[in-house]
Amino acid sequence: QVQLVESGGGLVQAGGSLRLSCAASGRTFSSYPMGWFRQAPGKAREFVSAISWNGRNTNYADLVKGRFTISRDNTKNTMYLQMSSLKPEDTALYYCAVDTFSAPVTDRNMAKWTYWGQGTQVTVSS
């Protein structure tokens, strides 16, 4: 059974930092791009960041560029999202996903994301 499990969310004050993790089990995703998304209450799910299978290529939404850093450790089948200078508007449920179509990380087509985790809540207080 394929599983993606996010962790590392929590409550943090504005300006603080958090590191999210996405651990995959049941299958190795080291040859596929992976990504982070978020969904705030009443809003659509939005792209946050993506990383190529080898970590050499990354892509960020403009809203998080310069504050968030995506990385992965294929030996651990785990992806990370280091979030810094957090703002209240970053409050959302954060999801990780795997692109088994292996599209470029700049491709924002949502249909390419085949596997999804259940999400981890990030709440940033002002």
PDB file of N, CA and C in Angstrom:
ATOM      1  N   GLN A   1       0.845  -1.195   0.000  1.00  0.00           N
ATOM      2  CA  GLN A   1       0.000   0.000   0.000  1.00  0.00           C
ATOM      3  C   GLN A   1       0.877   1.240   0.000  1.00  0.00           C
ATOM      4  N   VAL A   2       0.630   2.117  -0.968  1.00  0.00           N
ATOM      5  CA  VAL A   2       1.407   3.342  -1.076  1.00  0.00           C
ATOM      6  C   VAL A   2       0.892   4.371  -0.083  1.00  0.00           C
ATOM      7  N   GLN A   3       1.807   4.951   0.635  1.00  0.00           N
ATOM      8  CA  GLN A   3       1.429   5.994   1.593  1.00  0.00           C
ATOM      9  C   GLN A   3       2.408   7.150   1.543  1.00  0.00           C
ATOM     10  N   LEU A   4       1.867   8.349   1.618  1.00  0.00           N
ATOM     11  CA  LEU A   4       2.657   9.552   1.823  1.00  0.00           C
ATOM     12  C   LEU A   4       2.178  10.157   3.133  1.00  0.00           C
ATOM     13  N   VAL A   5       3.100  10.351   4.063  1.00  0.00           N
ATOM     14  CA  VAL A   5       2.725  10.860   5.371  1.00  0.00           C
ATOM     15  C   VAL A   5       3.483  12.145   5.646  1.00  0.00           C
ATOM     16  N   GLU A   6       2.725  13.228   5.793  1.00  0.00           N
ATOM     17  CA  GLU A   6       3.318  14.522   6.133  1.00  0.00           C
ATOM     18  C   GLU A   6       3.418  14.669   7.649  1.00  0.00           C
ATOM     19  N   SER A   7       4.420  15.403   8.077  1.00  0.00           N
ATOM     20  CA  SER A   7       4.592  15.708   9.497  1.00  0.00           C
ATOM     21  C   SER A   7       5.345  17.016   9.619  1.00  0.00           C
ATOM     22  N   GLY A   8       5.367  17.541  10.842  1.00  0.00           N
ATOM     23  CA  GLY A   8       6.130  18.754  11.110  1.00  0.00           C
ATOM     24  C   GLY A   8       5.308  20.017  11.205  1.00  0.00           C
ATOM     25  N   GLY A   9       4.018  19.910  10.940  1.00  0.00           N
ATOM     26  CA  GLY A   9       3.171  21.089  11.061  1.00  0.00           C
ATOM     27  C   GLY A   9       2.962  21.468  12.507  1.00  0.00           C
ATOM     28  N   GLY A  10       2.353  22.620  12.711  1.00  0.00           N
ATOM     29  CA  GLY A  10       2.085  23.075  14.067  1.00  0.00           C
ATOM     30  C   GLY A  10       1.715  24.529  14.095  1.00  0.00           C
ATOM     31  N   LEU A  11       1.719  25.071  15.294  1.00  0.00           N
ATOM     32  CA  LEU A  11       1.396  26.480  15.525  1.00  0.00           C
ATOM     33  C   LEU A  11       2.687  27.250  15.738  1.00  0.00           C
ATOM     34  N   VAL A  12       2.853  28.325  15.008  1.00  0.00           N
ATOM     35  CA  VAL A  12       4.068  29.128  15.114  1.00  0.00           C
ATOM     36  C   VAL A  12       3.698  30.599  14.978  1.00  0.00           C
ATOM     37  N   GLN A  13       4.480  31.451  15.602  1.00  0.00           N
ATOM     38  CA  GLN A  13       4.238  32.887  15.483  1.00  0.00           C
ATOM     39  C   GLN A  13       4.766  33.404  14.149  1.00  0.00           C
ATOM     40  N   ALA A  14       4.190  34.498  13.713  1.00  0.00           N
ATOM     41  CA  ALA A  14       4.662  35.130  12.483  1.00  0.00           C
ATOM     42  C   ALA A  14       6.159  35.426  12.600  1.00  0.00           C
ATOM     43  N   GLY A  15       6.865  35.157  11.529  1.00  0.00           N
ATOM     44  CA  GLY A  15       8.306  35.319  11.517  1.00  0.00           C
ATOM     45  C   GLY A  15       9.063  34.061  11.891  1.00  0.00           C
ATOM     46  N   GLY A  16       8.355  33.066  12.382  1.00  0.00           N
ATOM     47  CA  GLY A  16       8.974  31.820  12.794  1.00  0.00           C
ATOM     48  C   GLY A  16       9.225  30.860  11.642  1.00  0.00           C
ATOM     49  N   SER A  17       9.694  29.676  12.017  1.00  0.00           N
ATOM     50  CA  SER A  17      10.056  28.671  11.012  1.00  0.00           C
ATOM     51  C   SER A  17       9.487  27.310  11.388  1.00  0.00           C
ATOM     52  N   LEU A  18       9.282  26.508  10.368  1.00  0.00           N
ATOM     53  CA  LEU A  18       8.875  25.122  10.527  1.00  0.00           C
ATOM     54  C   LEU A  18       9.509  24.313   9.406  1.00  0.00           C
ATOM     55  N   ARG A  19       9.735  23.027   9.672  1.00  0.00           N
ATOM     56  CA  ARG A  19      10.192  22.136   8.613  1.00  0.00           C
ATOM     57  C   ARG A  19       9.201  20.992   8.479  1.00  0.00           C
ATOM     58  N   LEU A  20       8.617  20.883   7.318  1.00  0.00           N
ATOM     59  CA  LEU A  20       7.702  19.794   7.033  1.00  0.00           C
ATOM     60  C   LEU A  20       8.454  18.631   6.400  1.00  0.00           C
ATOM     61  N   SER A  21       7.969  17.429   6.691  1.00  0.00           N
ATOM     62  CA  SER A  21       8.529  16.230   6.083  1.00  0.00           C
ATOM     63  C   SER A  21       7.419  15.449   5.397  1.00  0.00           C
ATOM     64  N   CYS A  22       7.787  14.744   4.357  1.00  0.00           N
ATOM     65  CA  CYS A  22       6.850  13.870   3.648  1.00  0.00           C
ATOM     66  C   CYS A  22       7.559  12.541   3.454  1.00  0.00           C
ATOM     67  N   ALA A  23       7.121  11.536   4.185  1.00  0.00           N
ATOM     68  CA  ALA A  23       7.742  10.216   4.109  1.00  0.00           C
ATOM     69  C   ALA A  23       6.885   9.283   3.267  1.00  0.00           C
ATOM     70  N   ALA A  24       7.529   8.633   2.324  1.00  0.00           N
ATOM     71  CA  ALA A  24       6.823   7.707   1.445  1.00  0.00           C
ATOM     72  C   ALA A  24       7.085   6.275   1.876  1.00  0.00           C
ATOM     73  N   SER A  25       6.078   5.467   1.787  1.00  0.00           N
ATOM     74  CA  SER A  25       6.227   4.043   2.082  1.00  0.00           C
ATOM     75  C   SER A  25       5.394   3.232   1.101  1.00  0.00           C
ATOM     76  N   GLY A  26       5.744   1.960   0.981  1.00  0.00           N
ATOM     77  CA  GLY A  26       5.000   1.097   0.076  1.00  0.00           C
ATOM     78  C   GLY A  26       5.515   1.123  -1.338  1.00  0.00           C
ATOM     79  N   ARG A  27       6.319   2.137  -1.652  1.00  0.00           N
ATOM     80  CA  ARG A  27       6.864   2.251  -2.994  1.00  0.00           C
ATOM     81  C   ARG A  27       7.992   3.281  -2.940  1.00  0.00           C
ATOM     82  N   THR A  28       8.966   3.127  -3.789  1.00  0.00           N
ATOM     83  CA  THR A  28      10.059   4.091  -3.861  1.00  0.00           C
ATOM     84  C   THR A  28       9.738   5.143  -4.913  1.00  0.00           C
ATOM     85  N   PHE A  29       9.817   6.402  -4.507  1.00  0.00           N
ATOM     86  CA  PHE A  29       9.518   7.500  -5.425  1.00  0.00           C
ATOM     87  C   PHE A  29      10.765   8.278  -5.799  1.00  0.00           C
ATOM     88  N   SER A  30      11.903   7.674  -5.608  1.00  0.00           N
ATOM     89  CA  SER A  30      13.152   8.400  -5.844  1.00  0.00           C
ATOM     90  C   SER A  30      13.350   8.804  -7.296  1.00  0.00           C
ATOM     91  N   SER A  31      12.621   8.205  -8.232  1.00  0.00           N
ATOM     92  CA  SER A  31      12.793   8.539  -9.638  1.00  0.00           C
ATOM     93  C   SER A  31      11.728   9.508 -10.148  1.00  0.00           C
ATOM     94  N   TYR A  32      10.921  10.054  -9.255  1.00  0.00           N
ATOM     95  CA  TYR A  32       9.821  10.941  -9.647  1.00  0.00           C
ATOM     96  C   TYR A  32       9.936  12.305  -8.988  1.00  0.00           C
ATOM     97  N   PRO A  33       9.445  13.334  -9.677  1.00  0.00           N
ATOM     98  CA  PRO A  33       9.338  14.632  -9.024  1.00  0.00           C
ATOM     99  C   PRO A  33       8.313  14.565  -7.888  1.00  0.00           C
ATOM    100  N   MET A  34       8.521  15.411  -6.899  1.00  0.00           N
ATOM    101  CA  MET A  34       7.580  15.505  -5.792  1.00  0.00           C
ATOM    102  C   MET A  34       7.264  16.965  -5.552  1.00  0.00           C
ATOM    103  N   GLY A  35       6.177  17.202  -4.849  1.00  0.00           N
ATOM    104  CA  GLY A  35       5.790  18.588  -4.640  1.00  0.00           C
ATOM    105  C   GLY A  35       5.014  18.804  -3.356  1.00  0.00           C
ATOM    106  N   TRP A  36       4.893  20.081  -3.007  1.00  0.00           N
ATOM    107  CA  TRP A  36       4.100  20.519  -1.850  1.00  0.00           C
ATOM    108  C   TRP A  36       2.975  21.414  -2.333  1.00  0.00           C
ATOM    109  N   PHE A  37       1.831  21.264  -1.697  1.00  0.00           N
ATOM    110  CA  PHE A  37       0.664  22.076  -1.967  1.00  0.00           C
ATOM    111  C   PHE A  37       0.058  22.503  -0.630  1.00  0.00           C
ATOM    112  N   ARG A  38      -0.827  23.473  -0.687  1.00  0.00           N
ATOM    113  CA  ARG A  38      -1.523  23.875   0.531  1.00  0.00           C
ATOM    114  C   ARG A  38      -2.938  24.294   0.201  1.00  0.00           C
ATOM    115  N   GLN A  39      -3.772  24.175   1.228  1.00  0.00           N
ATOM    116  CA  GLN A  39      -5.170  24.583   1.070  1.00  0.00           C
ATOM    117  C   GLN A  39      -5.643  25.246   2.345  1.00  0.00           C
ATOM    118  N   ALA A  40      -6.022  26.497   2.209  1.00  0.00           N
ATOM    119  CA  ALA A  40      -6.582  27.247   3.328  1.00  0.00           C
ATOM    120  C   ALA A  40      -8.099  27.081   3.322  1.00  0.00           C
ATOM    121  N   PRO A  41      -8.734  27.270   4.479  1.00  0.00           N
ATOM    122  CA  PRO A  41     -10.191  27.115   4.540  1.00  0.00           C
ATOM    123  C   PRO A  41     -10.894  28.018   3.531  1.00  0.00           C
ATOM    124  N   GLY A  42     -11.819  27.435   2.774  1.00  0.00           N
ATOM    125  CA  GLY A  42     -12.582  28.203   1.805  1.00  0.00           C
ATOM    126  C   GLY A  42     -11.852  28.539   0.526  1.00  0.00           C
ATOM    127  N   LYS A  43     -10.638  28.031   0.393  1.00  0.00           N
ATOM    128  CA  LYS A  43      -9.852  28.325  -0.813  1.00  0.00           C
ATOM    129  C   LYS A  43      -9.473  27.044  -1.538  1.00  0.00           C
ATOM    130  N   ALA A  44      -9.117  27.190  -2.798  1.00  0.00           N
ATOM    131  CA  ALA A  44      -8.686  26.039  -3.579  1.00  0.00           C
ATOM    132  C   ALA A  44      -7.272  25.616  -3.180  1.00  0.00           C
ATOM    133  N   ARG A  45      -6.973  24.362  -3.441  1.00  0.00           N
ATOM    134  CA  ARG A  45      -5.617  23.883  -3.191  1.00  0.00           C
ATOM    135  C   ARG A  45      -4.669  24.583  -4.154  1.00  0.00           C
ATOM    136  N   GLU A  46      -3.517  25.021  -3.646  1.00  0.00           N
ATOM    137  CA  GLU A  46      -2.578  25.747  -4.488  1.00  0.00           C
ATOM    138  C   GLU A  46      -1.181  25.156  -4.427  1.00  0.00           C
ATOM    139  N   PHE A  47      -0.491  25.316  -5.514  1.00  0.00           N
ATOM    140  CA  PHE A  47       0.891  24.856  -5.622  1.00  0.00           C
ATOM    141  C   PHE A  47       1.794  25.677  -4.724  1.00  0.00           C
ATOM    142  N   VAL A  48       2.730  25.005  -4.067  1.00  0.00           N
ATOM    143  CA  VAL A  48       3.722  25.686  -3.229  1.00  0.00           C
ATOM    144  C   VAL A  48       5.118  25.523  -3.823  1.00  0.00           C
ATOM    145  N   SER A  49       5.512  24.266  -4.067  1.00  0.00           N
ATOM    146  CA  SER A  49       6.862  24.018  -4.554  1.00  0.00           C
ATOM    147  C   SER A  49       6.959  22.616  -5.133  1.00  0.00           C
ATOM    148  N   ALA A  50       7.938  22.414  -6.014  1.00  0.00           N
ATOM    149  CA  ALA A  50       8.180  21.098  -6.583  1.00  0.00           C
ATOM    150  C   ALA A  50       9.676  20.888  -6.735  1.00  0.00           C
ATOM    151  N   ILE A  51      10.067  19.610  -6.750  1.00  0.00           N
ATOM    152  CA  ILE A  51      11.483  19.261  -6.861  1.00  0.00           C
ATOM    153  C   ILE A  51      11.628  18.062  -7.793  1.00  0.00           C
ATOM    154  N   SER A  52      12.661  18.092  -8.612  1.00  0.00           N
ATOM    155  CA  SER A  52      12.906  16.990  -9.536  1.00  0.00           C
ATOM    156  C   SER A  52      13.380  15.750  -8.789  1.00  0.00           C
ATOM    157  N   TRP A  53      13.441  14.635  -9.478  1.00  0.00           N
ATOM    158  CA  TRP A  53      13.761  13.377  -8.824  1.00  0.00           C
ATOM    159  C   TRP A  53      15.133  13.401  -8.160  1.00  0.00           C
ATOM    160  N   ASN A  54      16.075  14.143  -8.768  1.00  0.00           N
ATOM    161  CA  ASN A  54      17.435  14.169  -8.216  1.00  0.00           C
ATOM    162  C   ASN A  54      17.706  15.426  -7.394  1.00  0.00           C
ATOM    163  N   GLY A  55      16.688  16.262  -7.238  1.00  0.00           N
ATOM    164  CA  GLY A  55      16.847  17.461  -6.410  1.00  0.00           C
ATOM    165  C   GLY A  55      17.517  18.628  -7.102  1.00  0.00           C
ATOM    166  N   ARG A  56      17.898  18.459  -8.348  1.00  0.00           N
ATOM    167  CA  ARG A  56      18.661  19.516  -9.025  1.00  0.00           C
ATOM    168  C   ARG A  56      17.781  20.660  -9.511  1.00  0.00           C
ATOM    169  N   ASN A  57      16.527  20.374  -9.753  1.00  0.00           N
ATOM    170  CA  ASN A  57      15.608  21.405 -10.242  1.00  0.00           C
ATOM    171  C   ASN A  57      14.480  21.613  -9.245  1.00  0.00           C
ATOM    172  N   THR A  58      14.187  22.871  -8.967  1.00  0.00           N
ATOM    173  CA  THR A  58      13.107  23.203  -8.056  1.00  0.00           C
ATOM    174  C   THR A  58      12.261  24.337  -8.646  1.00  0.00           C
ATOM    175  N   ASN A  59      11.071  24.445  -8.127  1.00  0.00           N
ATOM    176  CA  ASN A  59      10.163  25.499  -8.571  1.00  0.00           C
ATOM    177  C   ASN A  59       9.337  25.948  -7.371  1.00  0.00           C
ATOM    178  N   TYR A  60       9.071  27.242  -7.282  1.00  0.00           N
ATOM    179  CA  TYR A  60       8.343  27.787  -6.144  1.00  0.00           C
ATOM    180  C   TYR A  60       7.237  28.718  -6.621  1.00  0.00           C
ATOM    181  N   ALA A  61       6.163  28.725  -5.857  1.00  0.00           N
ATOM    182  CA  ALA A  61       5.142  29.742  -6.075  1.00  0.00           C
ATOM    183  C   ALA A  61       5.720  31.094  -5.679  1.00  0.00           C
ATOM    184  N   ASP A  62       5.294  32.127  -6.361  1.00  0.00           N
ATOM    185  CA  ASP A  62       5.825  33.460  -6.074  1.00  0.00           C
ATOM    186  C   ASP A  62       5.627  33.859  -4.613  1.00  0.00           C
ATOM    187  N   LEU A  63       4.513  33.419  -4.024  1.00  0.00           N
ATOM    188  CA  LEU A  63       4.195  33.817  -2.648  1.00  0.00           C
ATOM    189  C   LEU A  63       5.182  33.274  -1.619  1.00  0.00           C
ATOM    190  N   VAL A  64       5.905  32.210  -1.959  1.00  0.00           N
ATOM    191  CA  VAL A  64       6.803  31.593  -0.980  1.00  0.00           C
ATOM    192  C   VAL A  64       8.269  31.688  -1.398  1.00  0.00           C
ATOM    193  N   LYS A  65       8.509  32.176  -2.593  1.00  0.00           N
ATOM    194  CA  LYS A  65       9.880  32.242  -3.107  1.00  0.00           C
ATOM    195  C   LYS A  65      10.744  33.089  -2.184  1.00  0.00           C
ATOM    196  N   GLY A  66      11.907  32.557  -1.846  1.00  0.00           N
ATOM    197  CA  GLY A  66      12.811  33.263  -0.958  1.00  0.00           C
ATOM    198  C   GLY A  66      12.583  32.978   0.516  1.00  0.00           C
ATOM    199  N   ARG A  67      11.457  32.366   0.848  1.00  0.00           N
ATOM    200  CA  ARG A  67      11.152  32.031   2.245  1.00  0.00           C
ATOM    201  C   ARG A  67      11.120  30.524   2.481  1.00  0.00           C
ATOM    202  N   PHE A  68      10.715  29.777   1.486  1.00  0.00           N
ATOM    203  CA  PHE A  68      10.607  28.321   1.614  1.00  0.00           C
ATOM    204  C   PHE A  68      11.707  27.651   0.790  1.00  0.00           C
ATOM    205  N   THR A  69      12.167  26.502   1.279  1.00  0.00           N
ATOM    206  CA  THR A  69      13.155  25.717   0.550  1.00  0.00           C
ATOM    207  C   THR A  69      12.736  24.259   0.524  1.00  0.00           C
ATOM    208  N   ILE A  70      12.650  23.711  -0.658  1.00  0.00           N
ATOM    209  CA  ILE A  70      12.279  22.306  -0.820  1.00  0.00           C
ATOM    210  C   ILE A  70      13.538  21.474  -1.003  1.00  0.00           C
ATOM    211  N   SER A  71      13.519  20.273  -0.457  1.00  0.00           N
ATOM    212  CA  SER A  71      14.651  19.363  -0.614  1.00  0.00           C
ATOM    213  C   SER A  71      14.148  17.938  -0.485  1.00  0.00           C
ATOM    214  N   ARG A  72      15.014  16.996  -0.781  1.00  0.00           N
ATOM    215  CA  ARG A  72      14.625  15.587  -0.660  1.00  0.00           C
ATOM    216  C   ARG A  72      15.852  14.748  -0.347  1.00  0.00           C
ATOM    217  N   ASP A  73      15.589  13.615   0.297  1.00  0.00           N
ATOM    218  CA  ASP A  73      16.631  12.643   0.597  1.00  0.00           C
ATOM    219  C   ASP A  73      16.132  11.304   0.076  1.00  0.00           C
ATOM    220  N   ASN A  74      16.598  10.930  -1.098  1.00  0.00           N
ATOM    221  CA  ASN A  74      16.093   9.704  -1.722  1.00  0.00           C
ATOM    222  C   ASN A  74      16.523   8.446  -0.966  1.00  0.00           C
ATOM    223  N   THR A  75      17.567   8.544  -0.188  1.00  0.00           N
ATOM    224  CA  THR A  75      17.976   7.370   0.599  1.00  0.00           C
ATOM    225  C   THR A  75      16.965   7.084   1.706  1.00  0.00           C
ATOM    226  N   LYS A  76      16.214   8.123   2.083  1.00  0.00           N
ATOM    227  CA  LYS A  76      15.195   7.973   3.121  1.00  0.00           C
ATOM    228  C   LYS A  76      13.781   8.017   2.544  1.00  0.00           C
ATOM    229  N   ASN A  77      13.684   8.161   1.227  1.00  0.00           N
ATOM    230  CA  ASN A  77      12.367   8.251   0.579  1.00  0.00           C
ATOM    231  C   ASN A  77      11.529   9.364   1.212  1.00  0.00           C
ATOM    232  N   THR A  78      12.175  10.485   1.468  1.00  0.00           N
ATOM    233  CA  THR A  78      11.554  11.598   2.202  1.00  0.00           C
ATOM    234  C   THR A  78      11.844  12.925   1.514  1.00  0.00           C
ATOM    235  N   MET A  79      10.829  13.782   1.533  1.00  0.00           N
ATOM    236  CA  MET A  79      10.951  15.137   0.999  1.00  0.00           C
ATOM    237  C   MET A  79      10.708  16.114   2.145  1.00  0.00           C
ATOM    238  N   TYR A  80      11.285  17.307   2.032  1.00  0.00           N
ATOM    239  CA  TYR A  80      11.171  18.302   3.094  1.00  0.00           C
ATOM    240  C   TYR A  80      10.737  19.653   2.520  1.00  0.00           C
ATOM    241  N   LEU A  81      10.186  20.465   3.410  1.00  0.00           N
ATOM    242  CA  LEU A  81       9.901  21.850   3.084  1.00  0.00           C
ATOM    243  C   LEU A  81      10.300  22.694   4.282  1.00  0.00           C
ATOM    244  N   GLN A  82      11.381  23.413   4.145  1.00  0.00           N
ATOM    245  CA  GLN A  82      11.818  24.336   5.192  1.00  0.00           C
ATOM    246  C   GLN A  82      11.124  25.659   4.966  1.00  0.00           C
ATOM    247  N   MET A  83      10.355  26.077   5.944  1.00  0.00           N
ATOM    248  CA  MET A  83       9.578  27.308   5.833  1.00  0.00           C
ATOM    249  C   MET A  83      10.099  28.325   6.845  1.00  0.00           C
ATOM    250  N   SER A  84      10.459  29.491   6.364  1.00  0.00           N
ATOM    251  CA  SER A  84      10.979  30.544   7.218  1.00  0.00           C
ATOM    252  C   SER A  84      10.189  31.824   6.990  1.00  0.00           C
ATOM    253  N   SER A  85      10.370  32.776   7.897  1.00  0.00           N
ATOM    254  CA  SER A  85       9.661  34.058   7.794  1.00  0.00           C
ATOM    255  C   SER A  85       8.176  33.835   7.532  1.00  0.00           C
ATOM    256  N   LEU A  86       7.603  32.943   8.309  1.00  0.00           N
ATOM    257  CA  LEU A  86       6.208  32.582   8.096  1.00  0.00           C
ATOM    258  C   LEU A  86       5.275  33.750   8.369  1.00  0.00           C
ATOM    259  N   LYS A  87       4.199  33.790   7.590  1.00  0.00           N
ATOM    260  CA  LYS A  87       3.197  34.848   7.690  1.00  0.00           C
ATOM    261  C   LYS A  87       1.843  34.219   8.007  1.00  0.00           C
ATOM    262  N   PRO A  88       0.941  34.969   8.594  1.00  0.00           N
ATOM    263  CA  PRO A  88      -0.399  34.418   8.870  1.00  0.00           C
ATOM    264  C   PRO A  88      -1.071  33.866   7.611  1.00  0.00           C
ATOM    265  N   GLU A  89      -0.801  34.459   6.474  1.00  0.00           N
ATOM    266  CA  GLU A  89      -1.410  33.976   5.239  1.00  0.00           C
ATOM    267  C   GLU A  89      -0.828  32.643   4.755  1.00  0.00           C
ATOM    268  N   ASP A  90       0.201  32.149   5.411  1.00  0.00           N
ATOM    269  CA  ASP A  90       0.728  30.816   5.115  1.00  0.00           C
ATOM    270  C   ASP A  90      -0.067  29.726   5.828  1.00  0.00           C
ATOM    271  N   THR A  91      -0.986  30.127   6.693  1.00  0.00           N
ATOM    272  CA  THR A  91      -1.816  29.172   7.418  1.00  0.00           C
ATOM    273  C   THR A  91      -2.634  28.337   6.437  1.00  0.00           C
ATOM    274  N   ALA A  92      -2.484  27.013   6.536  1.00  0.00           N
ATOM    275  CA  ALA A  92      -3.168  26.110   5.609  1.00  0.00           C
ATOM    276  C   ALA A  92      -2.860  24.671   5.987  1.00  0.00           C
ATOM    277  N   LEU A  93      -3.563  23.769   5.348  1.00  0.00           N
ATOM    278  CA  LEU A  93      -3.240  22.353   5.412  1.00  0.00           C
ATOM    279  C   LEU A  93      -2.259  22.079   4.272  1.00  0.00           C
ATOM    280  N   TYR A  94      -1.089  21.567   4.605  1.00  0.00           N
ATOM    281  CA  TYR A  94      -0.042  21.348   3.621  1.00  0.00           C
ATOM    282  C   TYR A  94       0.008  19.872   3.215  1.00  0.00           C
ATOM    283  N   TYR A  95       0.016  19.637   1.915  1.00  0.00           N
ATOM    284  CA  TYR A  95       0.019  18.290   1.356  1.00  0.00           C
ATOM    285  C   TYR A  95       1.289  18.056   0.536  1.00  0.00           C
ATOM    286  N   CYS A  96       1.731  16.804   0.523  1.00  0.00           N
ATOM    287  CA  CYS A  96       2.777  16.440  -0.415  1.00  0.00           C
ATOM    288  C   CYS A  96       2.181  15.526  -1.489  1.00  0.00           C
ATOM    289  N   ALA A  97       2.845  15.487  -2.621  1.00  0.00           N
ATOM    290  CA  ALA A  97       2.341  14.704  -3.739  1.00  0.00           C
ATOM    291  C   ALA A  97       3.492  14.215  -4.601  1.00  0.00           C
ATOM    292  N   VAL A  98       3.214  13.190  -5.390  1.00  0.00           N
ATOM    293  CA  VAL A  98       4.203  12.608  -6.293  1.00  0.00           C
ATOM    294  C   VAL A  98       3.685  12.685  -7.726  1.00  0.00           C
ATOM    295  N   ASP A  99       4.561  13.082  -8.624  1.00  0.00           N
ATOM    296  CA  ASP A  99       4.236  13.187 -10.041  1.00  0.00           C
ATOM    297  C   ASP A  99       4.809  11.976 -10.767  1.00  0.00           C
ATOM    298  N   THR A 100       3.986  10.972 -11.007  1.00  0.00           N
ATOM    299  CA  THR A 100       4.477   9.765 -11.669  1.00  0.00           C
ATOM    300  C   THR A 100       4.525   9.921 -13.195  1.00  0.00           C
ATOM    301  N   PHE A 101       4.139  11.087 -13.707  1.00  0.00           N
ATOM    302  CA  PHE A 101       4.286  11.363 -15.137  1.00  0.00           C
ATOM    303  C   PHE A 101       5.647  11.985 -15.425  1.00  0.00           C
ATOM    304  N   SER A 102       6.352  12.342 -14.347  1.00  0.00           N
ATOM    305  CA  SER A 102       7.703  12.903 -14.480  1.00  0.00           C
ATOM    306  C   SER A 102       7.755  14.127 -15.390  1.00  0.00           C
ATOM    307  N   ALA A 103       6.780  14.985 -15.234  1.00  0.00           N
ATOM    308  CA  ALA A 103       6.770  16.241 -15.988  1.00  0.00           C
ATOM    309  C   ALA A 103       7.807  17.204 -15.391  1.00  0.00           C
ATOM    310  N   PRO A 104       8.212  18.219 -16.137  1.00  0.00           N
ATOM    311  CA  PRO A 104       9.140  19.209 -15.578  1.00  0.00           C
ATOM    312  C   PRO A 104       8.552  19.877 -14.343  1.00  0.00           C
ATOM    313  N   VAL A 105       9.389  20.289 -13.431  1.00  0.00           N
ATOM    314  CA  VAL A 105       8.900  20.882 -12.181  1.00  0.00           C
ATOM    315  C   VAL A 105       8.180  22.209 -12.432  1.00  0.00           C
ATOM    316  N   THR A 106       8.404  22.823 -13.586  1.00  0.00           N
ATOM    317  CA  THR A 106       7.727  24.068 -13.919  1.00  0.00           C
ATOM    318  C   THR A 106       6.326  23.846 -14.462  1.00  0.00           C
ATOM    319  N   ASP A 107       5.984  22.603 -14.750  1.00  0.00           N
ATOM    320  CA  ASP A 107       4.651  22.269 -15.271  1.00  0.00           C
ATOM    321  C   ASP A 107       3.652  22.302 -14.135  1.00  0.00           C
ATOM    322  N   ARG A 108       2.669  23.197 -14.177  1.00  0.00           N
ATOM    323  CA  ARG A 108       1.706  23.370 -13.083  1.00  0.00           C
ATOM    324  C   ARG A 108       0.417  22.564 -13.294  1.00  0.00           C
ATOM    325  N   ASN A 109       0.424  21.637 -14.230  1.00  0.00           N
ATOM    326  CA  ASN A 109      -0.752  20.811 -14.472  1.00  0.00           C
ATOM    327  C   ASN A 109      -1.048  19.940 -13.257  1.00  0.00           C
ATOM    328  N   MET A 110      -2.182  20.143 -12.636  1.00  0.00           N
ATOM    329  CA  MET A 110      -2.512  19.409 -11.416  1.00  0.00           C
ATOM    330  C   MET A 110      -2.743  17.924 -11.665  1.00  0.00           C
ATOM    331  N   ALA A 111      -3.110  17.554 -12.875  1.00  0.00           N
ATOM    332  CA  ALA A 111      -3.442  16.163 -13.174  1.00  0.00           C
ATOM    333  C   ALA A 111      -2.235  15.233 -13.082  1.00  0.00           C
ATOM    334  N   LYS A 112      -1.048  15.794 -13.103  1.00  0.00           N
ATOM    335  CA  LYS A 112       0.152  14.949 -13.075  1.00  0.00           C
ATOM    336  C   LYS A 112       0.459  14.399 -11.691  1.00  0.00           C
ATOM    337  N   TRP A 113      -0.166  14.951 -10.674  1.00  0.00           N
ATOM    338  CA  TRP A 113       0.131  14.537  -9.301  1.00  0.00           C
ATOM    339  C   TRP A 113      -0.735  13.330  -8.964  1.00  0.00           C
ATOM    340  N   THR A 114      -0.102  12.172  -8.883  1.00  0.00           N
ATOM    341  CA  THR A 114      -0.825  10.910  -8.798  1.00  0.00           C
ATOM    342  C   THR A 114      -1.119  10.479  -7.373  1.00  0.00           C
ATOM    343  N   TYR A 115      -0.151  10.659  -6.505  1.00  0.00           N
ATOM    344  CA  TYR A 115      -0.296  10.244  -5.114  1.00  0.00           C
ATOM    345  C   TYR A 115      -0.267  11.469  -4.209  1.00  0.00           C
ATOM    346  N   TRP A 116      -1.115  11.426  -3.181  1.00  0.00           N
ATOM    347  CA  TRP A 116      -1.234  12.538  -2.240  1.00  0.00           C
ATOM    348  C   TRP A 116      -1.197  12.029  -0.810  1.00  0.00           C
ATOM    349  N   GLY A 117      -0.642  12.865   0.063  1.00  0.00           N
ATOM    350  CA  GLY A 117      -0.717  12.580   1.478  1.00  0.00           C
ATOM    351  C   GLY A 117      -2.000  13.143   2.058  1.00  0.00           C
ATOM    352  N   GLN A 118      -2.157  12.987   3.386  1.00  0.00           N
ATOM    353  CA  GLN A 118      -3.368  13.440   4.065  1.00  0.00           C
ATOM    354  C   GLN A 118      -3.243  14.876   4.571  1.00  0.00           C
ATOM    355  N   GLY A 119      -2.041  15.381   4.602  1.00  0.00           N
ATOM    356  CA  GLY A 119      -1.847  16.774   4.989  1.00  0.00           C
ATOM    357  C   GLY A 119      -1.402  16.961   6.421  1.00  0.00           C
ATOM    358  N   THR A 120      -0.719  18.064   6.666  1.00  0.00           N
ATOM    359  CA  THR A 120      -0.327  18.476   8.006  1.00  0.00           C
ATOM    360  C   THR A 120      -0.662  19.952   8.154  1.00  0.00           C
ATOM    361  N   GLN A 121      -1.247  20.301   9.292  1.00  0.00           N
ATOM    362  CA  GLN A 121      -1.740  21.661   9.486  1.00  0.00           C
ATOM    363  C   GLN A 121      -0.620  22.604   9.926  1.00  0.00           C
ATOM    364  N   VAL A 122      -0.552  23.729   9.259  1.00  0.00           N
ATOM    365  CA  VAL A 122       0.359  24.799   9.650  1.00  0.00           C
ATOM    366  C   VAL A 122      -0.487  26.019   9.996  1.00  0.00           C
ATOM    367  N   THR A 123      -0.311  26.526  11.206  1.00  0.00           N
ATOM    368  CA  THR A 123      -1.041  27.707  11.641  1.00  0.00           C
ATOM    369  C   THR A 123      -0.048  28.762  12.097  1.00  0.00           C
ATOM    370  N   VAL A 124      -0.125  29.931  11.501  1.00  0.00           N
ATOM    371  CA  VAL A 124       0.787  31.019  11.825  1.00  0.00           C
ATOM    372  C   VAL A 124      -0.020  32.132  12.488  1.00  0.00           C
ATOM    373  N   SER A 125       0.332  32.431  13.722  1.00  0.00           N
ATOM    374  CA  SER A 125      -0.379  33.468  14.448  1.00  0.00           C
ATOM    375  C   SER A 125       0.301  34.820  14.266  1.00  0.00           C
ATOM    376  N   SER A 126      -0.499  35.867  14.319  1.00  0.00           N
ATOM    377  CA  SER A 126       0.054  37.216  14.120  1.00  0.00           C
ATOM    378  C   SER A 126       0.477  37.852  15.430  1.00  0.00           C
TER     379      SER A 126
END
